[in-house]
PDB file of N, CA and C in Angstrom:
ATOM      1  N   UNK A   1       6.838 227.036 199.721  1.00  0.00           N
ATOM      2  CA  UNK A   1       7.421 225.715 199.629  1.00  0.00           C
ATOM      3  C   UNK A   1       6.905 224.968 198.391  1.00  0.00           C
ATOM      4  N   UNK A   2       5.616 225.146 198.095  1.00  0.00           N
ATOM      5  CA  UNK A   2       5.030 224.460 196.943  1.00  0.00           C
ATOM      6  C   UNK A   2       5.657 224.951 195.635  1.00  0.00           C
ATOM      7  N   UNK A   3       5.946 226.255 195.571  1.00  0.00           N
ATOM      8  CA  UNK A   3       6.553 226.816 194.367  1.00  0.00           C
ATOM      9  C   UNK A   3       7.971 226.268 194.174  1.00  0.00           C
ATOM     10  N   UNK A   4       8.713 226.108 195.252  1.00  0.00           N
ATOM     11  CA  UNK A   4      10.059 225.536 195.165  1.00  0.00           C
ATOM     12  C   UNK A   4       9.990 224.096 194.658  1.00  0.00           C
ATOM     13  N   UNK A   5       9.041 223.343 195.181  1.00  0.00           N
ATOM     14  CA  UNK A   5       8.868 221.945 194.759  1.00  0.00           C
ATOM     15  C   UNK A   5       8.507 221.867 193.282  1.00  0.00           C
ATOM     16  N   UNK A   6       7.584 222.711 192.837  1.00  0.00           N
ATOM     17  CA  UNK A   6       7.203 222.695 191.418  1.00  0.00           C
ATOM     18  C   UNK A   6       8.372 223.084 190.522  1.00  0.00           C
ATOM     19  N   UNK A   7       9.157 224.076 190.935  1.00  0.00           N
ATOM     20  CA  UNK A   7      10.330 224.476 190.154  1.00  0.00           C
ATOM     21  C   UNK A   7      11.378 223.362 190.113  1.00  0.00           C
ATOM     22  N   UNK A   8      11.556 222.667 191.219  1.00  0.00           N
ATOM     23  CA  UNK A   8      12.487 221.544 191.261  1.00  0.00           C
ATOM     24  C   UNK A   8      12.007 220.412 190.350  1.00  0.00           C
ATOM     25  N   UNK A   9      10.717 220.125 190.389  1.00  0.00           N
ATOM     26  CA  UNK A   9      10.154 219.111 189.501  1.00  0.00           C
ATOM     27  C   UNK A   9      10.359 219.502 188.042  1.00  0.00           C
ATOM     28  N   UNK A  10      10.102 220.754 187.725  1.00  0.00           N
ATOM     29  CA  UNK A  10      10.278 221.240 186.365  1.00  0.00           C
ATOM     30  C   UNK A  10      11.733 221.084 185.920  1.00  0.00           C
ATOM     31  N   UNK A  11      12.670 221.470 186.779  1.00  0.00           N
ATOM     32  CA  UNK A  11      14.094 221.358 186.438  1.00  0.00           C
ATOM     33  C   UNK A  11      14.499 219.903 186.234  1.00  0.00           C
ATOM     34  N   UNK A  12      14.043 219.027 187.109  1.00  0.00           N
ATOM     35  CA  UNK A  12      14.383 217.606 186.970  1.00  0.00           C
ATOM     36  C   UNK A  12      13.754 216.990 185.725  1.00  0.00           C
ATOM     37  N   UNK A  13      12.530 217.404 185.394  1.00  0.00           N
ATOM     38  CA  UNK A  13      11.902 216.916 184.163  1.00  0.00           C
ATOM     39  C   UNK A  13      12.696 217.339 182.937  1.00  0.00           C
ATOM     40  N   UNK A  14      13.181 218.569 182.936  1.00  0.00           N
ATOM     41  CA  UNK A  14      13.993 219.061 181.816  1.00  0.00           C
ATOM     42  C   UNK A  14      15.287 218.259 181.716  1.00  0.00           C
ATOM     43  N   UNK A  15      15.933 217.992 182.855  1.00  0.00           N
ATOM     44  CA  UNK A  15      17.170 217.199 182.851  1.00  0.00           C
ATOM     45  C   UNK A  15      16.899 215.790 182.323  1.00  0.00           C
ATOM     46  N   UNK A  16      15.812 215.173 182.783  1.00  0.00           N
ATOM     47  CA  UNK A  16      15.453 213.826 182.317  1.00  0.00           C
ATOM     48  C   UNK A  16      15.156 213.844 180.821  1.00  0.00           C
ATOM     49  N   UNK A  17      14.412 214.840 180.366  1.00  0.00           N
ATOM     50  CA  UNK A  17      14.059 214.958 178.956  1.00  0.00           C
ATOM     51  C   UNK A  17      15.302 215.116 178.085  1.00  0.00           C
ATOM     52  N   UNK A  18      16.180 216.029 178.450  1.00  0.00           N
ATOM     53  CA  UNK A  18      17.397 216.257 177.663  1.00  0.00           C
ATOM     54  C   UNK A  18      18.301 215.025 177.683  1.00  0.00           C
ATOM     55  N   UNK A  19      18.452 214.410 178.856  1.00  0.00           N
ATOM     56  CA  UNK A  19      19.290 213.214 178.968  1.00  0.00           C
ATOM     57  C   UNK A  19      18.749 212.071 178.113  1.00  0.00           C
ATOM     58  N   UNK A  20      17.442 211.914 178.094  1.00  0.00           N
ATOM     59  CA  UNK A  20      16.829 210.846 177.303  1.00  0.00           C
ATOM     60  C   UNK A  20      17.022 211.094 175.813  1.00  0.00           C
ATOM     61  N   UNK A  21      16.846 212.331 175.373  1.00  0.00           N
ATOM     62  CA  UNK A  21      17.045 212.662 173.954  1.00  0.00           C
ATOM     63  C   UNK A  21      18.505 212.415 173.550  1.00  0.00           C
ATOM     64  N   UNK A  22      19.439 212.798 174.417  1.00  0.00           N
ATOM     65  CA  UNK A  22      20.859 212.543 174.132  1.00  0.00           C
ATOM     66  C   UNK A  22      21.129 211.044 174.043  1.00  0.00           C
ATOM     67  N   UNK A  23      20.570 210.275 174.972  1.00  0.00           N
ATOM     68  CA  UNK A  23      20.754 208.818 174.956  1.00  0.00           C
ATOM     69  C   UNK A  23      20.171 208.194 173.689  1.00  0.00           C
ATOM     70  N   UNK A  24      19.031 208.697 173.235  1.00  0.00           N
ATOM     71  CA  UNK A  24      18.421 208.196 171.996  1.00  0.00           C
ATOM     72  C   UNK A  24      19.350 208.461 170.819  1.00  0.00           C
ATOM     73  N   UNK A  25      19.892 209.664 170.750  1.00  0.00           N
ATOM     74  CA  UNK A  25      20.810 210.015 169.655  1.00  0.00           C
ATOM     75  C   UNK A  25      22.056 209.128 169.679  1.00  0.00           C
ATOM     76  N   UNK A  26      22.603 208.898 170.859  1.00  0.00           N
ATOM     77  CA  UNK A  26      23.783 208.032 170.981  1.00  0.00           C
ATOM     78  C   UNK A  26      23.458 206.615 170.525  1.00  0.00           C
ATOM     79  N   UNK A  27      22.298 206.100 170.920  1.00  0.00           N
ATOM     80  CA  UNK A  27      21.911 204.736 170.533  1.00  0.00           C
ATOM     81  C   UNK A  27      21.693 204.630 169.024  1.00  0.00           C
ATOM     82  N   UNK A  28      21.054 205.625 168.430  1.00  0.00           N
ATOM     83  CA  UNK A  28      20.851 205.606 166.980  1.00  0.00           C
ATOM     84  C   UNK A  28      22.198 205.653 166.261  1.00  0.00           C
ATOM     85  N   UNK A  29      23.106 206.491 166.746  1.00  0.00           N
ATOM     86  CA  UNK A  29      24.442 206.568 166.151  1.00  0.00           C
ATOM     87  C   UNK A  29      25.165 205.222 166.272  1.00  0.00           C
ATOM     88  N   UNK A  30      25.065 204.585 167.439  1.00  0.00           N
ATOM     89  CA  UNK A  30      25.704 203.280 167.639  1.00  0.00           C
ATOM     90  C   UNK A  30      25.137 202.235 166.681  1.00  0.00           C
ATOM     91  N   UNK A  31      23.823 202.217 166.510  1.00  0.00           N
ATOM     92  CA  UNK A  31      23.216 201.256 165.579  1.00  0.00           C
ATOM     93  C   UNK A  31      23.675 201.538 164.152  1.00  0.00           C
ATOM     94  N   UNK A  32      23.793 202.818 163.798  1.00  0.00           N
ATOM     95  CA  UNK A  32      24.227 203.186 162.446  1.00  0.00           C
ATOM     96  C   UNK A  32      25.682 202.767 162.220  1.00  0.00           C
ATOM     97  N   UNK A  33      26.539 203.046 163.199  1.00  0.00           N
ATOM     98  CA  UNK A  33      27.958 202.693 163.071  1.00  0.00           C
ATOM     99  C   UNK A  33      28.141 201.174 162.987  1.00  0.00           C
ATOM    100  N   UNK A  34      27.394 200.443 163.831  1.00  0.00           N
ATOM    101  CA  UNK A  34      27.489 198.976 163.826  1.00  0.00           C
ATOM    102  C   UNK A  34      26.760 198.347 162.643  1.00  0.00           C
ATOM    103  N   UNK A  35      25.920 199.131 161.989  1.00  0.00           N
ATOM    104  CA  UNK A  35      25.079 198.647 160.891  1.00  0.00           C
ATOM    105  C   UNK A  35      24.311 197.388 161.305  1.00  0.00           C
ATOM    106  N   UNK A  36      23.780 197.460 162.524  1.00  0.00           N
ATOM    107  CA  UNK A  36      23.067 196.324 163.097  1.00  0.00           C
ATOM    108  C   UNK A  36      22.026 196.832 164.086  1.00  0.00           C
ATOM    109  N   UNK A  37      20.864 196.220 164.035  1.00  0.00           N
ATOM    110  CA  UNK A  37      19.809 196.519 164.996  1.00  0.00           C
ATOM    111  C   UNK A  37      19.354 195.197 165.592  1.00  0.00           C
ATOM    112  N   UNK A  38      19.538 195.058 166.905  1.00  0.00           N
ATOM    113  CA  UNK A  38      19.152 193.824 167.586  1.00  0.00           C
ATOM    114  C   UNK A  38      17.879 194.057 168.390  1.00  0.00           C
ATOM    115  N   UNK A  39      17.323 192.976 168.890  1.00  0.00           N
ATOM    116  CA  UNK A  39      16.136 193.095 169.729  1.00  0.00           C
ATOM    117  C   UNK A  39      16.461 193.893 170.990  1.00  0.00           C
ATOM    118  N   UNK A  40      17.650 193.721 171.534  1.00  0.00           N
ATOM    119  CA  UNK A  40      18.061 194.493 172.713  1.00  0.00           C
ATOM    120  C   UNK A  40      18.093 195.985 172.386  1.00  0.00           C
ATOM    121  N   UNK A  41      18.529 196.350 171.190  1.00  0.00           N
ATOM    122  CA  UNK A  41      18.536 197.758 170.773  1.00  0.00           C
ATOM    123  C   UNK A  41      17.113 198.308 170.689  1.00  0.00           C
ATOM    124  N   UNK A  42      16.234 197.512 170.119  1.00  0.00           N
ATOM    125  CA  UNK A  42      14.843 197.949 169.996  1.00  0.00           C
ATOM    126  C   UNK A  42      14.187 198.106 171.365  1.00  0.00           C
ATOM    127  N   UNK A  43      14.482 197.177 172.269  1.00  0.00           N
ATOM    128  CA  UNK A  43      13.920 197.288 173.613  1.00  0.00           C
ATOM    129  C   UNK A  43      14.467 198.522 174.331  1.00  0.00           C
ATOM    130  N   UNK A  44      15.731 198.844 174.096  1.00  0.00           N
ATOM    131  CA  UNK A  44      16.308 200.045 174.690  1.00  0.00           C
ATOM    132  C   UNK A  44      15.610 201.290 174.143  1.00  0.00           C
ATOM    133  N   UNK A  45      15.345 201.309 172.846  1.00  0.00           N
ATOM    134  CA  UNK A  45      14.623 202.443 172.254  1.00  0.00           C
ATOM    135  C   UNK A  45      13.209 202.536 172.838  1.00  0.00           C
ATOM    136  N   UNK A  46      12.584 201.379 173.065  1.00  0.00           N
ATOM    137  CA  UNK A  46      11.261 201.366 173.683  1.00  0.00           C
ATOM    138  C   UNK A  46      11.332 201.927 175.108  1.00  0.00           C
ATOM    139  N   UNK A  47      12.401 201.588 175.831  1.00  0.00           N
ATOM    140  CA  UNK A  47      12.583 202.145 177.176  1.00  0.00           C
ATOM    141  C   UNK A  47      12.660 203.670 177.124  1.00  0.00           C
ATOM    142  N   UNK A  48      13.434 204.177 176.169  1.00  0.00           N
ATOM    143  CA  UNK A  48      13.538 205.628 176.022  1.00  0.00           C
ATOM    144  C   UNK A  48      12.181 206.245 175.694  1.00  0.00           C
ATOM    145  N   UNK A  49      11.430 205.584 174.827  1.00  0.00           N
ATOM    146  CA  UNK A  49      10.100 206.076 174.473  1.00  0.00           C
ATOM    147  C   UNK A  49       9.182 206.128 175.689  1.00  0.00           C
ATOM    148  N   UNK A  50       9.250 205.097 176.526  1.00  0.00           N
ATOM    149  CA  UNK A  50       8.417 205.062 177.725  1.00  0.00           C
ATOM    150  C   UNK A  50       8.835 206.137 178.727  1.00  0.00           C
ATOM    151  N   UNK A  51      10.124 206.412 178.822  1.00  0.00           N
ATOM    152  CA  UNK A  51      10.583 207.490 179.710  1.00  0.00           C
ATOM    153  C   UNK A  51      10.043 208.828 179.205  1.00  0.00           C
ATOM    154  N   UNK A  52      10.100 209.044 177.889  1.00  0.00           N
ATOM    155  CA  UNK A  52       9.542 210.285 177.326  1.00  0.00           C
ATOM    156  C   UNK A  52       8.043 210.387 177.592  1.00  0.00           C
ATOM    157  N   UNK A  53       7.338 209.267 177.472  1.00  0.00           N
ATOM    158  CA  UNK A  53       5.897 209.263 177.747  1.00  0.00           C
ATOM    159  C   UNK A  53       5.630 209.567 179.219  1.00  0.00           C
ATOM    160  N   UNK A  54       6.470 209.032 180.093  1.00  0.00           N
ATOM    161  CA  UNK A  54       6.288 209.281 181.518  1.00  0.00           C
ATOM    162  C   UNK A  54       6.532 210.758 181.843  1.00  0.00           C
ATOM    163  N   UNK A  55       7.517 211.361 181.190  1.00  0.00           N
ATOM    164  CA  UNK A  55       7.770 212.794 181.386  1.00  0.00           C
ATOM    165  C   UNK A  55       6.560 213.597 180.926  1.00  0.00           C
ATOM    166  N   UNK A  56       6.009 213.235 179.758  1.00  0.00           N
ATOM    167  CA  UNK A  56       4.845 213.957 179.239  1.00  0.00           C
ATOM    168  C   UNK A  56       3.646 213.826 180.174  1.00  0.00           C
ATOM    169  N   UNK A  57       3.377 212.603 180.639  1.00  0.00           N
ATOM    170  CA  UNK A  57       2.237 212.383 181.522  1.00  0.00           C
ATOM    171  C   UNK A  57       2.414 213.156 182.826  1.00  0.00           C
ATOM    172  N   UNK A  58       3.621 213.116 183.382  1.00  0.00           N
ATOM    173  CA  UNK A  58       3.853 213.853 184.622  1.00  0.00           C
ATOM    174  C   UNK A  58       3.701 215.352 184.395  1.00  0.00           C
ATOM    175  N   UNK A  59       4.156 215.827 183.250  1.00  0.00           N
ATOM    176  CA  UNK A  59       4.037 217.255 182.918  1.00  0.00           C
ATOM    177  C   UNK A  59       2.563 217.661 182.844  1.00  0.00           C
ATOM    178  N   UNK A  60       1.747 216.821 182.203  1.00  0.00           N
ATOM    179  CA  UNK A  60       0.329 217.142 182.025  1.00  0.00           C
ATOM    180  C   UNK A  60      -0.488 216.986 183.302  1.00  0.00           C
ATOM    181  N   UNK A  61      -0.250 215.902 184.034  1.00  0.00           N
ATOM    182  CA  UNK A  61      -1.130 215.552 185.153  1.00  0.00           C
ATOM    183  C   UNK A  61      -0.512 215.758 186.531  1.00  0.00           C
ATOM    184  N   UNK A  62       0.776 216.052 186.603  1.00  0.00           N
ATOM    185  CA  UNK A  62       1.494 216.212 187.867  1.00  0.00           C
ATOM    186  C   UNK A  62       1.439 214.953 188.740  1.00  0.00           C
ATOM    187  N   UNK A  63       1.216 213.804 188.119  1.00  0.00           N
ATOM    188  CA  UNK A  63       1.272 212.524 188.814  1.00  0.00           C
ATOM    189  C   UNK A  63       1.470 211.426 187.769  1.00  0.00           C
ATOM    190  N   UNK A  64       1.891 210.270 188.241  1.00  0.00           N
ATOM    191  CA  UNK A  64       2.138 209.143 187.333  1.00  0.00           C
ATOM    192  C   UNK A  64       1.428 207.919 187.893  1.00  0.00           C
ATOM    193  N   UNK A  65       0.677 207.231 187.031  1.00  0.00           N
ATOM    194  CA  UNK A  65       0.073 205.975 187.457  1.00  0.00           C
ATOM    195  C   UNK A  65       1.147 204.889 187.443  1.00  0.00           C
ATOM    196  N   UNK A  66       0.842 203.767 187.966  1.00  0.00           N
ATOM    197  CA  UNK A  66       1.813 202.678 188.071  1.00  0.00           C
ATOM    198  C   UNK A  66       2.086 202.016 186.716  1.00  0.00           C
ATOM    199  N   UNK A  67       1.237 202.239 185.730  1.00  0.00           N
ATOM    200  CA  UNK A  67       1.347 201.550 184.451  1.00  0.00           C
ATOM    201  C   UNK A  67       2.661 201.833 183.730  1.00  0.00           C
ATOM    202  N   UNK A  68       3.029 203.092 183.572  1.00  0.00           N
ATOM    203  CA  UNK A  68       4.248 203.417 182.821  1.00  0.00           C
ATOM    204  C   UNK A  68       5.521 202.910 183.498  1.00  0.00           C
ATOM    205  N   UNK A  69       5.715 203.145 184.798  1.00  0.00           N
ATOM    206  CA  UNK A  69       6.918 202.563 185.418  1.00  0.00           C
ATOM    207  C   UNK A  69       6.942 201.041 185.353  1.00  0.00           C
ATOM    208  N   UNK A  70       5.762 200.411 185.413  1.00  0.00           N
ATOM    209  CA  UNK A  70       5.699 198.958 185.311  1.00  0.00           C
ATOM    210  C   UNK A  70       6.133 198.493 183.923  1.00  0.00           C
ATOM    211  N   UNK A  71       5.674 199.172 182.881  1.00  0.00           N
ATOM    212  CA  UNK A  71       6.105 198.830 181.521  1.00  0.00           C
ATOM    213  C   UNK A  71       7.608 199.022 181.355  1.00  0.00           C
ATOM    214  N   UNK A  72       8.143 200.091 181.920  1.00  0.00           N
ATOM    215  CA  UNK A  72       9.577 200.336 181.840  1.00  0.00           C
ATOM    216  C   UNK A  72      10.343 199.230 182.546  1.00  0.00           C
ATOM    217  N   UNK A  73       9.882 198.836 183.719  1.00  0.00           N
ATOM    218  CA  UNK A  73      10.565 197.787 184.473  1.00  0.00           C
ATOM    219  C   UNK A  73      10.518 196.453 183.741  1.00  0.00           C
ATOM    220  N   UNK A  74       9.390 196.102 183.173  1.00  0.00           N
ATOM    221  CA  UNK A  74       9.262 194.830 182.455  1.00  0.00           C
ATOM    222  C   UNK A  74      10.137 194.831 181.212  1.00  0.00           C
ATOM    223  N   UNK A  75      10.158 195.937 180.490  1.00  0.00           N
ATOM    224  CA  UNK A  75      10.991 196.023 179.298  1.00  0.00           C
ATOM    225  C   UNK A  75      12.471 195.961 179.668  1.00  0.00           C
ATOM    226  N   UNK A  76      12.854 196.653 180.738  1.00  0.00           N
ATOM    227  CA  UNK A  76      14.247 196.606 181.183  1.00  0.00           C
ATOM    228  C   UNK A  76      14.636 195.190 181.600  1.00  0.00           C
ATOM    229  N   UNK A  77      13.748 194.502 182.295  1.00  0.00           N
ATOM    230  CA  UNK A  77      14.015 193.123 182.698  1.00  0.00           C
ATOM    231  C   UNK A  77      14.149 192.223 181.479  1.00  0.00           C
ATOM    232  N   UNK A  78      13.298 192.414 180.511  1.00  0.00           N
ATOM    233  CA  UNK A  78      13.365 191.616 179.286  1.00  0.00           C
ATOM    234  C   UNK A  78      14.674 191.861 178.549  1.00  0.00           C
ATOM    235  N   UNK A  79      15.071 193.112 178.468  1.00  0.00           N
ATOM    236  CA  UNK A  79      16.346 193.448 177.819  1.00  0.00           C
ATOM    237  C   UNK A  79      17.513 192.818 178.565  1.00  0.00           C
ATOM    238  N   UNK A  80      17.463 192.847 179.886  1.00  0.00           N
ATOM    239  CA  UNK A  80      18.511 192.240 180.701  1.00  0.00           C
ATOM    240  C   UNK A  80      18.593 190.732 180.450  1.00  0.00           C
ATOM    241  N   UNK A  81      17.435 190.084 180.371  1.00  0.00           N
ATOM    242  CA  UNK A  81      17.412 188.639 180.107  1.00  0.00           C
ATOM    243  C   UNK A  81      18.043 188.338 178.756  1.00  0.00           C
ATOM    244  N   UNK A  82      17.722 189.139 177.759  1.00  0.00           N
ATOM    245  CA  UNK A  82      18.280 188.934 176.424  1.00  0.00           C
ATOM    246  C   UNK A  82      19.798 189.086 176.450  1.00  0.00           C
ATOM    247  N   UNK A  83      20.277 190.150 177.083  1.00  0.00           N
ATOM    248  CA  UNK A  83      21.719 190.402 177.116  1.00  0.00           C
ATOM    249  C   UNK A  83      22.446 189.329 177.916  1.00  0.00           C
ATOM    250  N   UNK A  84      21.870 188.878 179.016  1.00  0.00           N
ATOM    251  CA  UNK A  84      22.494 187.820 179.807  1.00  0.00           C
ATOM    252  C   UNK A  84      22.493 186.500 179.043  1.00  0.00           C
ATOM    253  N   UNK A  85      21.411 186.244 178.343  1.00  0.00           N
ATOM    254  CA  UNK A  85      21.300 185.002 177.577  1.00  0.00           C
ATOM    255  C   UNK A  85      22.330 184.923 176.468  1.00  0.00           C
ATOM    256  N   UNK A  86      22.611 186.033 175.827  1.00  0.00           N
ATOM    257  CA  UNK A  86      23.587 186.031 174.736  1.00  0.00           C
ATOM    258  C   UNK A  86      24.995 185.844 175.253  1.00  0.00           C
ATOM    259  N   UNK A  87      25.271 186.294 176.498  1.00  0.00           N
ATOM    260  CA  UNK A  87      26.599 186.118 177.061  1.00  0.00           C
ATOM    261  C   UNK A  87      26.828 184.679 177.500  1.00  0.00           C
ATOM    262  N   UNK A  88      25.795 184.033 178.018  1.00  0.00           N
ATOM    263  CA  UNK A  88      25.961 182.692 178.577  1.00  0.00           C
ATOM    264  C   UNK A  88      25.759 181.596 177.539  1.00  0.00           C
ATOM    265  N   UNK A  89      24.892 181.829 176.597  1.00  0.00           N
ATOM    266  CA  UNK A  89      24.495 180.770 175.681  1.00  0.00           C
ATOM    267  C   UNK A  89      24.403 181.337 174.271  1.00  0.00           C
ATOM    268  N   UNK A  90      25.128 180.744 173.314  1.00  0.00           N
ATOM    269  CA  UNK A  90      25.050 181.287 171.956  1.00  0.00           C
ATOM    270  C   UNK A  90      23.663 181.163 171.333  1.00  0.00           C
ATOM    271  N   UNK A  91      22.853 180.274 171.820  1.00  0.00           N
ATOM    272  CA  UNK A  91      21.485 180.163 171.297  1.00  0.00           C
ATOM    273  C   UNK A  91      20.572 181.032 172.147  1.00  0.00           C
ATOM    274  N   UNK A  92      20.730 182.335 172.003  1.00  0.00           N
ATOM    275  CA  UNK A  92      19.976 183.284 172.801  1.00  0.00           C
ATOM    276  C   UNK A  92      18.513 183.398 172.405  1.00  0.00           C
ATOM    277  N   UNK A  93      18.090 182.606 171.439  1.00  0.00           N
ATOM    278  CA  UNK A  93      16.700 182.689 171.003  1.00  0.00           C
ATOM    279  C   UNK A  93      15.725 182.319 172.114  1.00  0.00           C
ATOM    280  N   UNK A  94      16.110 181.401 172.980  1.00  0.00           N
ATOM    281  CA  UNK A  94      15.235 181.018 174.085  1.00  0.00           C
ATOM    282  C   UNK A  94      15.033 182.218 175.008  1.00  0.00           C
ATOM    283  N   UNK A  95      16.110 182.933 175.284  1.00  0.00           N
ATOM    284  CA  UNK A  95      16.013 184.092 176.155  1.00  0.00           C
ATOM    285  C   UNK A  95      15.209 185.209 175.498  1.00  0.00           C
ATOM    286  N   UNK A  96      15.386 185.385 174.212  1.00  0.00           N
ATOM    287  CA  UNK A  96      14.594 186.386 173.498  1.00  0.00           C
ATOM    288  C   UNK A  96      13.117 186.029 173.533  1.00  0.00           C
ATOM    289  N   UNK A  97      12.811 184.754 173.382  1.00  0.00           N
ATOM    290  CA  UNK A  97      11.423 184.315 173.420  1.00  0.00           C
ATOM    291  C   UNK A  97      10.810 184.570 174.800  1.00  0.00           C
ATOM    292  N   UNK A  98      11.566 184.282 175.851  1.00  0.00           N
ATOM    293  CA  UNK A  98      11.078 184.533 177.211  1.00  0.00           C
ATOM    294  C   UNK A  98      10.827 186.020 177.414  1.00  0.00           C
ATOM    295  N   UNK A  99      11.741 186.850 176.929  1.00  0.00           N
ATOM    296  CA  UNK A  99      11.588 188.297 177.071  1.00  0.00           C
ATOM    297  C   UNK A  99      10.351 188.792 176.331  1.00  0.00           C
ATOM    298  N   UNK A 100      10.143 188.307 175.135  1.00  0.00           N
ATOM    299  CA  UNK A 100       8.972 188.710 174.355  1.00  0.00           C
ATOM    300  C   UNK A 100       7.690 188.264 175.052  1.00  0.00           C
ATOM    301  N   UNK A 101       7.689 187.056 175.606  1.00  0.00           N
ATOM    302  CA  UNK A 101       6.513 186.573 176.336  1.00  0.00           C
ATOM    303  C   UNK A 101       6.242 187.414 177.579  1.00  0.00           C
ATOM    304  N   UNK A 102       7.298 187.828 178.271  1.00  0.00           N
ATOM    305  CA  UNK A 102       7.115 188.704 179.436  1.00  0.00           C
ATOM    306  C   UNK A 102       6.451 190.014 179.044  1.00  0.00           C
ATOM    307  N   UNK A 103       6.947 190.611 177.980  1.00  0.00           N
ATOM    308  CA  UNK A 103       6.379 191.882 177.520  1.00  0.00           C
ATOM    309  C   UNK A 103       4.936 191.687 177.065  1.00  0.00           C
ATOM    310  N   UNK A 104       4.704 190.667 176.278  1.00  0.00           N
ATOM    311  CA  UNK A 104       3.354 190.420 175.779  1.00  0.00           C
ATOM    312  C   UNK A 104       2.384 190.136 176.925  1.00  0.00           C
ATOM    313  N   UNK A 105       2.822 189.330 177.875  1.00  0.00           N
ATOM    314  CA  UNK A 105       1.974 189.017 179.025  1.00  0.00           C
ATOM    315  C   UNK A 105       1.640 190.252 179.840  1.00  0.00           C
ATOM    316  N   UNK A 106       2.640 191.096 180.049  1.00  0.00           N
ATOM    317  CA  UNK A 106       2.405 192.320 180.816  1.00  0.00           C
ATOM    318  C   UNK A 106       1.442 193.255 180.091  1.00  0.00           C
ATOM    319  N   UNK A 107       1.596 193.356 178.791  1.00  0.00           N
ATOM    320  CA  UNK A 107       0.696 194.228 178.019  1.00  0.00           C
ATOM    321  C   UNK A 107      -0.729 193.703 178.069  1.00  0.00           C
ATOM    322  N   UNK A 108      -0.894 192.387 177.947  1.00  0.00           N
ATOM    323  CA  UNK A 108      -2.241 191.794 178.023  1.00  0.00           C
ATOM    324  C   UNK A 108      -2.856 192.068 179.392  1.00  0.00           C
ATOM    325  N   UNK A 109      -2.085 191.853 180.460  1.00  0.00           N
ATOM    326  CA  UNK A 109      -2.601 192.091 181.806  1.00  0.00           C
ATOM    327  C   UNK A 109      -2.989 193.552 181.989  1.00  0.00           C
ATOM    328  N   UNK A 110      -2.136 194.465 181.514  1.00  0.00           N
ATOM    329  CA  UNK A 110      -2.453 195.884 181.653  1.00  0.00           C
ATOM    330  C   UNK A 110      -3.676 196.273 180.841  1.00  0.00           C
ATOM    331  N   UNK A 111      -3.793 195.718 179.648  1.00  0.00           N
ATOM    332  CA  UNK A 111      -4.972 196.036 178.821  1.00  0.00           C
ATOM    333  C   UNK A 111      -6.247 195.488 179.458  1.00  0.00           C
ATOM    334  N   UNK A 112      -6.178 194.251 179.975  1.00  0.00           N
ATOM    335  CA  UNK A 112      -7.357 193.678 180.624  1.00  0.00           C
ATOM    336  C   UNK A 112      -7.714 194.445 181.893  1.00  0.00           C
ATOM    337  N   UNK A 113      -6.707 194.929 182.576  1.00  0.00           N
ATOM    338  CA  UNK A 113      -6.936 195.683 183.801  1.00  0.00           C
ATOM    339  C   UNK A 113      -7.752 196.945 183.524  1.00  0.00           C
ATOM    340  N   UNK A 114      -7.550 197.519 182.354  1.00  0.00           N
ATOM    341  CA  UNK A 114      -8.262 198.745 182.008  1.00  0.00           C
ATOM    342  C   UNK A 114      -9.507 198.492 181.166  1.00  0.00           C
ATOM    343  N   UNK A 115      -9.907 197.248 181.038  1.00  0.00           N
ATOM    344  CA  UNK A 115     -11.103 196.956 180.245  1.00  0.00           C
ATOM    345  C   UNK A 115     -12.237 196.527 181.174  1.00  0.00           C
ATOM    346  N   UNK A 116     -13.409 196.420 180.610  1.00  0.00           N
ATOM    347  CA  UNK A 116     -14.573 195.999 181.384  1.00  0.00           C
ATOM    348  C   UNK A 116     -14.701 194.479 181.447  1.00  0.00           C
ATOM    349  N   UNK A 117     -13.867 193.751 180.735  1.00  0.00           N
ATOM    350  CA  UNK A 117     -14.008 192.303 180.626  1.00  0.00           C
ATOM    351  C   UNK A 117     -13.802 191.581 181.956  1.00  0.00           C
ATOM    352  N   UNK A 118     -12.950 192.102 182.820  1.00  0.00           N
ATOM    353  CA  UNK A 118     -12.701 191.452 184.102  1.00  0.00           C
ATOM    354  C   UNK A 118     -13.603 191.978 185.212  1.00  0.00           C
ATOM    355  N   UNK A 119     -14.363 193.005 184.914  1.00  0.00           N
ATOM    356  CA  UNK A 119     -15.247 193.578 185.916  1.00  0.00           C
ATOM    357  C   UNK A 119     -14.499 194.290 187.034  1.00  0.00           C
ATOM    358  N   UNK A 120     -13.317 194.805 186.741  1.00  0.00           N
ATOM    359  CA  UNK A 120     -12.511 195.466 187.763  1.00  0.00           C
ATOM    360  C   UNK A 120     -12.789 196.955 187.880  1.00  0.00           C
ATOM    361  N   UNK A 121     -13.511 197.500 186.932  1.00  0.00           N
ATOM    362  CA  UNK A 121     -13.787 198.935 186.986  1.00  0.00           C
ATOM    363  C   UNK A 121     -14.786 199.205 188.106  1.00  0.00           C
ATOM    364  N   UNK A 122     -14.562 200.288 188.779  1.00  0.00           N
ATOM    365  CA  UNK A 122     -15.454 200.675 189.873  1.00  0.00           C
ATOM    366  C   UNK A 122     -16.712 201.308 189.292  1.00  0.00           C
ATOM    367  N   UNK A 123     -17.845 200.782 189.703  1.00  0.00           N
ATOM    368  CA  UNK A 123     -19.104 201.337 189.226  1.00  0.00           C
ATOM    369  C   UNK A 123     -19.560 202.399 190.220  1.00  0.00           C
ATOM    370  N   UNK A 124     -19.799 203.586 189.730  1.00  0.00           N
ATOM    371  CA  UNK A 124     -20.212 204.675 190.593  1.00  0.00           C
ATOM    372  C   UNK A 124     -21.723 204.803 190.541  1.00  0.00           C
ATOM    373  N   UNK A 125     -22.265 205.025 191.691  1.00  0.00           N
ATOM    374  CA  UNK A 125     -23.717 205.190 191.779  1.00  0.00           C
ATOM    375  C   UNK A 125     -24.085 206.628 191.443  1.00  0.00           C
ATOM    376  N   UNK A 126     -25.098 206.766 190.643  1.00  0.00           N
ATOM    377  CA  UNK A 126     -25.611 208.089 190.316  1.00  0.00           C
ATOM    378  C   UNK A 126     -26.586 208.523 191.395  1.00  0.00           C
ATOM    379  N   UNK A 127     -26.481 209.742 191.815  1.00  0.00           N
ATOM    380  CA  UNK A 127     -27.385 210.229 192.855  1.00  0.00           C
ATOM    381  C   UNK A 127     -28.494 211.041 192.287  1.00  0.00           C
TER     382      UNK A 127
END
């Protein structure tokens, strides 16, 4: 049963990897054809990069910490806010600013979470 599960995981990782690479190529082609790169485009490319990183981490460690999916979710939410803001209000700069602050805030929280500054690291006793 374990071998079937590992083979299924491997197959799904390959499908995710190939699909992500195809999506990246399509997005680059779209930006080239439109001769325009927006913040939403860059955030989408960042999403693809994070998916590739998540595939690599899962491949190496056979598990994923909460950090990568959280970054993907925050970036996707920020991109959604930007796209919604541009549809509703021509001055989408406010929405872009909110999205950038969300991303920056999340990165700061994640970095502090992994640092010693907050004292959140577990101290192990030496025996």
